[in-house]
Amino acid sequence: MESPPDDRSPLAIAYGWAIRVMTISAEMVLPGLVGVWLDAEEQLGTRFVFTLIGFAIGLPLALWHLLRMTKAIQNDRLNRDGGSNNGTVSS
């Protein structure tokens, strides 16, 4: 099954990529910032435990999402090209 060509304007494509980058950045940083907030003296008063836990969760989550996104893009290109490039992605 062949996917339709991308007929969006260049600005719409740029916005799509900007949203993807910002989403992955937020997934990486926000759990750590929540950990910083929890570690504050006004909250739990722990030193850095939740900060480390937050970043330890955020980094793999963002990498997993990045890998899923790149795999989906690669599959779209393969489907659009008819699978003629034997699994390599051309730029």
C-alpha atoms as a PDB file:
ATOM      1  CA  MET A   1       0.000   0.000   0.000  1.00  0.00           C
ATOM      2  CA  GLU A   2       1.428   3.332  -1.045  1.00  0.00           C
ATOM      3  CA  SER A   3       1.137   6.363   1.233  1.00  0.00           C
ATOM      4  CA  PRO A   4       0.122   9.693  -0.288  1.00  0.00           C
ATOM      5  CA  PRO A   5       2.830  12.310  -0.867  1.00  0.00           C
ATOM      6  CA  ASP A   6       3.311  14.991   1.752  1.00  0.00           C
ATOM      7  CA  ASP A   7       1.615  18.020   0.215  1.00  0.00           C
ATOM      8  CA  ARG A   8       1.872  20.241   3.295  1.00  0.00           C
ATOM      9  CA  SER A   9       3.540  23.633   3.044  1.00  0.00           C
ATOM     10  CA  PRO A  10       7.181  23.905   4.148  1.00  0.00           C
ATOM     11  CA  LEU A  11       6.044  25.981   7.138  1.00  0.00           C
ATOM     12  CA  ALA A  12       3.652  23.239   8.269  1.00  0.00           C
ATOM     13  CA  ILE A  13       6.412  20.641   7.962  1.00  0.00           C
ATOM     14  CA  ALA A  14       8.761  22.882   9.990  1.00  0.00           C
ATOM     15  CA  TYR A  15       6.115  23.291  12.704  1.00  0.00           C
ATOM     16  CA  GLY A  16       5.698  19.517  12.824  1.00  0.00           C
ATOM     17  CA  TRP A  17       9.424  19.024  13.365  1.00  0.00           C
ATOM     18  CA  ALA A  18       9.560  21.795  15.976  1.00  0.00           C
ATOM     19  CA  ILE A  19       6.774  20.102  17.941  1.00  0.00           C
ATOM     20  CA  ARG A  20       8.580  16.758  17.777  1.00  0.00           C
ATOM     21  CA  VAL A  21      11.835  18.271  19.064  1.00  0.00           C
ATOM     22  CA  MET A  22      10.078  20.176  21.850  1.00  0.00           C
ATOM     23  CA  THR A  23       8.153  17.064  22.919  1.00  0.00           C
ATOM     24  CA  ILE A  24      11.300  14.969  23.200  1.00  0.00           C
ATOM     25  CA  SER A  25      13.074  17.790  25.062  1.00  0.00           C
ATOM     26  CA  ALA A  26      10.182  18.093  27.505  1.00  0.00           C
ATOM     27  CA  GLU A  27      10.138  14.332  28.070  1.00  0.00           C
ATOM     28  CA  MET A  28      13.817  14.488  28.925  1.00  0.00           C
ATOM     29  CA  VAL A  29      13.761  17.531  31.229  1.00  0.00           C
ATOM     30  CA  LEU A  30      10.363  17.683  32.958  1.00  0.00           C
ATOM     31  CA  PRO A  31      10.734  14.531  35.102  1.00  0.00           C
ATOM     32  CA  GLY A  32      14.036  15.883  36.419  1.00  0.00           C
ATOM     33  CA  LEU A  33      12.496  19.271  37.169  1.00  0.00           C
ATOM     34  CA  VAL A  34       9.686  17.577  39.070  1.00  0.00           C
ATOM     35  CA  GLY A  35      12.413  15.787  41.028  1.00  0.00           C
ATOM     36  CA  VAL A  36      14.119  19.102  41.794  1.00  0.00           C
ATOM     37  CA  TRP A  37      10.803  20.475  43.041  1.00  0.00           C
ATOM     38  CA  LEU A  38      10.214  17.415  45.228  1.00  0.00           C
ATOM     39  CA  ASP A  39      13.735  17.642  46.644  1.00  0.00           C
ATOM     40  CA  ALA A  40      13.227  21.264  47.728  1.00  0.00           C
ATOM     41  CA  GLU A  41      13.229  22.092  51.429  1.00  0.00           C
ATOM     42  CA  GLU A  42       9.587  23.207  51.248  1.00  0.00           C
ATOM     43  CA  GLN A  43       8.459  19.849  49.831  1.00  0.00           C
ATOM     44  CA  LEU A  44      10.225  16.688  50.996  1.00  0.00           C
ATOM     45  CA  GLY A  45      13.598  18.149  51.911  1.00  0.00           C
ATOM     46  CA  THR A  46      15.597  15.336  50.339  1.00  0.00           C
ATOM     47  CA  ARG A  47      18.910  16.313  48.826  1.00  0.00           C
ATOM     48  CA  PHE A  48      18.937  15.011  45.235  1.00  0.00           C
ATOM     49  CA  VAL A  49      17.199  11.627  45.271  1.00  0.00           C
ATOM     50  CA  PHE A  50      14.124  12.567  43.266  1.00  0.00           C
ATOM     51  CA  THR A  51      16.156  14.703  40.878  1.00  0.00           C
ATOM     52  CA  LEU A  52      18.253  11.685  39.945  1.00  0.00           C
ATOM     53  CA  ILE A  53      15.173   9.469  39.712  1.00  0.00           C
ATOM     54  CA  GLY A  54      13.449  12.043  37.502  1.00  0.00           C
ATOM     55  CA  PHE A  55      16.335  12.348  35.083  1.00  0.00           C
ATOM     56  CA  ALA A  56      16.836   8.563  35.155  1.00  0.00           C
ATOM     57  CA  ILE A  57      13.228   8.190  33.988  1.00  0.00           C
ATOM     58  CA  GLY A  58      13.213  11.133  31.568  1.00  0.00           C
ATOM     59  CA  LEU A  59      16.298  10.265  29.540  1.00  0.00           C
ATOM     60  CA  PRO A  60      15.281   6.686  28.602  1.00  0.00           C
ATOM     61  CA  LEU A  61      11.712   7.842  27.962  1.00  0.00           C
ATOM     62  CA  ALA A  62      12.912  10.514  25.522  1.00  0.00           C
ATOM     63  CA  LEU A  63      15.320   8.121  23.796  1.00  0.00           C
ATOM     64  CA  TRP A  64      12.577   5.512  23.434  1.00  0.00           C
ATOM     65  CA  HIS A  65      10.260   8.116  21.905  1.00  0.00           C
ATOM     66  CA  LEU A  66      13.025   9.325  19.566  1.00  0.00           C
ATOM     67  CA  LEU A  67      13.678   5.770  18.353  1.00  0.00           C
ATOM     68  CA  ARG A  68       9.956   5.160  17.784  1.00  0.00           C
ATOM     69  CA  MET A  69       9.661   8.421  15.872  1.00  0.00           C
ATOM     70  CA  THR A  70      12.645   7.745  13.618  1.00  0.00           C
ATOM     71  CA  LYS A  71      11.440   4.203  12.931  1.00  0.00           C
ATOM     72  CA  ALA A  72       8.007   5.532  11.924  1.00  0.00           C
ATOM     73  CA  ILE A  73       9.611   8.098   9.610  1.00  0.00           C
ATOM     74  CA  GLN A  74      11.798   5.412   8.064  1.00  0.00           C
ATOM     75  CA  ASN A  75       8.785   3.159   7.497  1.00  0.00           C
ATOM     76  CA  ASP A  76       6.876   6.037   5.889  1.00  0.00           C
ATOM     77  CA  ARG A  77       9.755   6.692   3.499  1.00  0.00           C
ATOM     78  CA  LEU A  78      10.037   3.021   2.641  1.00  0.00           C
ATOM     79  CA  ASN A  79       6.316   2.820   1.944  1.00  0.00           C
ATOM     80  CA  ARG A  80       6.385   6.001  -0.120  1.00  0.00           C
ATOM     81  CA  ASP A  81       9.368   4.787  -2.179  1.00  0.00           C
ATOM     82  CA  GLY A  82       7.841   1.376  -2.662  1.00  0.00           C
ATOM     83  CA  GLY A  83      10.513  -0.341  -0.577  1.00  0.00           C
ATOM     84  CA  SER A  84      13.062  -0.025  -3.396  1.00  0.00           C
ATOM     85  CA  ASN A  85      15.948   1.201  -1.241  1.00  0.00           C
ATOM     86  CA  ASN A  86      16.474  -2.038   0.722  1.00  0.00           C
ATOM     87  CA  GLY A  87      16.065  -0.578   4.194  1.00  0.00           C
ATOM     88  CA  THR A  88      18.279   2.456   3.819  1.00  0.00           C
ATOM     89  CA  VAL A  89      16.925   5.918   4.287  1.00  0.00           C
ATOM     90  CA  SER A  90      17.892   8.566   1.785  1.00  0.00           C
ATOM     91  CA  SER A  91      17.952  12.209   2.787  1.00  0.00           C
END
